[in-house]
């Protein structure tokens, strides 16, 4: 499935919405991306995994780790399709048993590729990368389906992590406008919001 088809499919299932949405930060956004909906469409899930894998084909890594929770199915799809081992970061440390934060089989010095659904500031990627690094894993690359172009790439680069994105918010908007799913005014207001709300 080509990226254009993925964008249209995301729009069709309601994973890309336009209107007025309150974000976690409190800001009112004209666009809302809810990629959690992809778990209900296996074919789309596999297609996303394939595009993410293709984007990182030239990179060298031993393990995958999806940012919880939305990117876990993406990482799982890649792991199964390409036989690449995976580890998982717990959102909270277990207070019983082993008390581990990172689940799975790994050894210090292995390279781990972080998988994410979308990036705004890069904070969620760092929240996964840092515990992996603390366990002795090398994290230098992260791949994301959609870059919201709000500063995440720059912030991650400052921390030594290269961001590889399949699609930018500009590309997503352009495809939807060309396919007459949204109008030029929606594109302009969304891009203006992106420009005015860069993460610091």
Protein backbone atom coordinates (compact mmCIF):
# COMPACT_ATOMS: atom_id res chain seq x y z
CA UNK A 1 0.00 0.00 0.00
CA UNK A 2 1.47 3.36 -1.10
CA UNK A 3 1.63 6.25 1.41
CA UNK A 4 -1.15 8.03 -0.52
CA UNK A 5 -3.42 5.00 -0.01
CA UNK A 6 -2.50 4.87 3.69
CA UNK A 7 -3.40 8.56 4.13
CA UNK A 8 -6.77 8.06 2.41
CA UNK A 9 -7.45 4.93 4.48
CA UNK A 10 -6.62 6.82 7.70
CA UNK A 11 -9.05 9.55 6.67
CA UNK A 12 -11.77 7.02 5.83
CA UNK A 13 -11.61 5.29 9.23
CA UNK A 14 -11.65 8.63 11.08
CA UNK A 15 -8.02 8.53 12.22
CA UNK A 16 -7.54 11.99 10.65
CA UNK A 17 -10.20 14.48 11.68
CA UNK A 18 -10.69 18.19 11.00
CA UNK A 19 -12.64 20.62 13.18
CA UNK A 20 -11.85 21.99 16.64
CA UNK A 21 -10.09 19.70 19.12
CA UNK A 22 -8.60 20.35 22.55
CA UNK A 23 -5.14 18.79 22.75
CA UNK A 24 -3.42 17.43 25.88
CA UNK A 25 -1.54 20.75 26.07
CA UNK A 26 -4.84 22.66 26.20
CA UNK A 27 -4.39 24.14 22.73
CA UNK A 28 -7.31 24.11 20.30
CA UNK A 29 -6.19 22.32 17.13
CA UNK A 30 -7.93 22.26 13.72
CA UNK A 31 -6.65 18.69 13.14
CA UNK A 32 -6.75 15.57 15.28
CA UNK A 33 -4.81 12.40 14.51
CA UNK A 34 -5.99 9.25 16.32
CA UNK A 35 -3.89 6.40 14.96
CA UNK A 36 -5.11 4.05 17.71
CA UNK A 37 -8.02 3.28 15.37
CA UNK A 38 -5.64 1.36 13.09
CA UNK A 39 -5.73 -1.64 15.46
CA UNK A 40 -9.18 -2.46 14.06
CA UNK A 41 -7.96 -2.61 10.45
CA UNK A 42 -5.34 -5.39 10.12
CA UNK A 43 -4.60 -4.74 6.43
CA UNK A 44 -3.84 -1.08 7.16
CA UNK A 45 -1.75 -2.08 10.17
CA UNK A 46 0.41 -4.36 8.02
CA UNK A 47 0.73 -1.64 5.36
CA UNK A 48 1.90 0.89 7.95
CA UNK A 49 4.42 -1.62 9.29
CA UNK A 50 5.74 -2.19 5.77
CA UNK A 51 6.17 1.53 5.03
CA UNK A 52 7.95 2.08 8.36
CA UNK A 53 10.22 -0.89 7.67
CA UNK A 54 10.98 0.32 4.13
CA UNK A 55 11.95 3.73 5.52
CA UNK A 56 14.59 2.13 7.76
CA UNK A 57 15.85 -0.57 5.39
CA UNK A 58 19.31 1.01 5.18
CA UNK A 59 19.72 1.31 8.94
CA UNK A 60 21.49 -1.20 11.15
CA UNK A 61 19.54 -2.38 14.22
CA UNK A 62 18.96 -5.56 16.22
CA UNK A 63 15.70 -4.84 18.03
CA UNK A 64 12.47 -2.89 17.74
CA UNK A 65 10.62 -1.02 20.46
CA UNK A 66 7.23 0.59 19.85
CA UNK A 67 6.32 3.63 21.95
CA UNK A 68 3.38 2.57 24.16
CA UNK A 69 0.63 2.28 23.35
CA UNK A 70 -0.30 3.34 19.80
CA UNK A 71 2.96 2.27 18.13
CA UNK A 72 3.07 -1.19 19.76
CA UNK A 73 0.93 -2.77 17.00
CA UNK A 74 3.14 -1.12 14.34
CA UNK A 75 6.28 -2.57 15.90
CA UNK A 76 4.57 -5.97 16.26
CA UNK A 77 3.58 -5.95 12.57
CA UNK A 78 7.20 -5.26 11.53
CA UNK A 79 8.55 -7.86 13.97
CA UNK A 80 6.27 -10.61 12.64
CA UNK A 81 6.61 -9.73 8.93
CA UNK A 82 10.43 -9.43 9.03
CA UNK A 83 11.42 -11.68 11.94
CA UNK A 84 13.02 -8.84 13.94
CA UNK A 85 13.07 -9.29 17.74
CA UNK A 86 11.15 -6.79 19.80
CA UNK A 87 11.33 -5.40 23.32
CA UNK A 88 8.62 -3.47 25.16
CA UNK A 89 8.86 -0.50 27.49
CA UNK A 90 6.42 -0.58 30.37
CA UNK A 91 4.62 2.68 31.06
CA UNK A 92 5.21 2.10 34.74
CA UNK A 93 7.77 -0.04 36.54
CA UNK A 94 6.44 -3.28 38.02
CA UNK A 95 6.38 -3.15 41.81
CA UNK A 96 6.50 -6.96 42.00
CA UNK A 97 8.33 -9.86 40.35
CA UNK A 98 11.37 -8.67 38.40
CA UNK A 99 10.42 -4.98 38.60
CA UNK A 100 11.63 -4.48 35.03
CA UNK A 101 10.88 -1.42 32.92
CA UNK A 102 12.00 -3.07 29.66
CA UNK A 103 10.46 -6.45 28.79
CA UNK A 104 11.98 -8.94 26.35
CA UNK A 105 15.31 -10.62 25.59
CA UNK A 106 18.24 -8.32 24.84
CA UNK A 107 21.91 -7.78 25.60
CA UNK A 108 23.82 -4.57 26.29
CA UNK A 109 25.28 -2.99 23.17
CA UNK A 110 22.47 -4.07 20.84
CA UNK A 111 20.96 -1.40 18.59
CA UNK A 112 17.27 -0.66 19.10
CA UNK A 113 15.05 1.16 16.62
CA UNK A 114 12.20 3.11 18.24
CA UNK A 115 8.85 3.05 16.40
CA UNK A 116 6.27 5.83 16.88
CA UNK A 117 2.96 6.76 15.25
CA UNK A 118 3.42 10.52 15.12
CA UNK A 119 5.82 13.09 16.51
CA UNK A 120 5.12 16.60 17.76
CA UNK A 121 7.82 17.57 20.28
CA UNK A 122 9.65 14.23 20.34
CA UNK A 123 8.97 13.83 24.08
CA UNK A 124 7.25 10.43 23.82
CA UNK A 125 10.13 9.02 21.76
CA UNK A 126 12.62 10.22 24.40
CA UNK A 127 10.48 8.70 27.17
CA UNK A 128 11.04 5.33 25.47
CA UNK A 129 14.62 5.88 24.27
CA UNK A 130 16.07 6.91 27.64
CA UNK A 131 15.04 3.76 29.61
CA UNK A 132 16.36 1.64 26.70
CA UNK A 133 19.68 3.49 26.85
CA UNK A 134 19.78 3.06 30.63
CA UNK A 135 19.60 -0.71 30.03
CA UNK A 136 22.70 -0.47 27.82
CA UNK A 137 20.95 -0.50 24.45
CA UNK A 138 22.06 1.86 21.68
CA UNK A 139 19.24 4.11 20.45
CA UNK A 140 20.27 6.44 17.63
CA UNK A 141 17.27 6.20 15.28
CA UNK A 142 13.50 6.50 15.51
CA UNK A 143 10.94 6.04 12.74
CA UNK A 144 7.54 7.68 12.72
CA UNK A 145 4.55 7.47 10.40
CA UNK A 146 3.61 11.18 10.60
CA UNK A 147 5.83 14.14 11.52
CA UNK A 148 3.61 17.03 12.66
CA UNK A 149 6.52 19.38 11.79
CA UNK A 150 6.34 21.15 15.14
CA UNK A 151 9.97 20.79 16.22
CA UNK A 152 10.25 17.11 17.15
CA UNK A 153 12.98 16.35 14.61
CA UNK A 154 15.16 19.16 15.99
CA UNK A 155 14.62 18.21 19.65
CA UNK A 156 15.48 14.57 19.00
CA UNK A 157 18.61 15.52 17.02
CA UNK A 158 19.76 17.52 20.07
CA UNK A 159 19.59 14.25 22.05
CA UNK A 160 21.48 12.29 19.40
CA UNK A 161 18.46 10.58 17.83
CA UNK A 162 17.83 10.76 14.08
CA UNK A 163 14.16 10.93 13.11
CA UNK A 164 13.02 9.11 9.97
CA UNK A 165 9.46 10.02 8.95
CA UNK A 166 7.30 8.33 6.33
CA UNK A 167 5.01 11.32 5.92
CA UNK A 168 4.89 14.97 6.99
CA UNK A 169 1.72 16.81 7.98
CA UNK A 170 2.18 18.92 4.82
CA UNK A 171 2.18 15.80 2.62
CA UNK A 172 -0.89 14.44 4.40
CA UNK A 173 -2.80 17.70 3.85
CA UNK A 174 -1.70 17.93 0.21
CA UNK A 175 -2.89 14.39 -0.58
CA UNK A 176 -6.27 14.98 1.10
CA UNK A 177 -6.75 18.25 -0.77
CA UNK A 178 -5.74 16.75 -4.13
CA UNK A 179 -8.25 13.93 -3.56
CA UNK A 180 -10.91 16.55 -2.67
CA UNK A 181 -11.37 15.27 0.89
CA UNK A 182 -10.64 18.73 2.33
CA UNK A 183 -10.52 22.23 0.85
CA UNK A 184 -7.69 24.75 0.54
CA UNK A 185 -8.98 26.78 3.49
CA UNK A 186 -8.69 23.73 5.79
CA UNK A 187 -5.13 23.16 4.56
CA UNK A 188 -4.17 26.80 5.17
CA UNK A 189 -5.70 27.01 8.66
CA UNK A 190 -4.03 23.73 9.67
CA UNK A 191 -0.61 24.80 8.37
CA UNK A 192 -0.98 28.16 10.10
CA UNK A 193 -1.68 26.36 13.39
CA UNK A 194 1.43 24.19 12.86
CA UNK A 195 3.60 27.24 12.11
CA UNK A 196 2.31 29.19 15.12
CA UNK A 197 2.66 26.33 17.59
CA UNK A 198 6.20 25.07 17.34
CA UNK A 199 7.37 23.15 20.44
CA UNK A 200 10.22 24.70 22.40
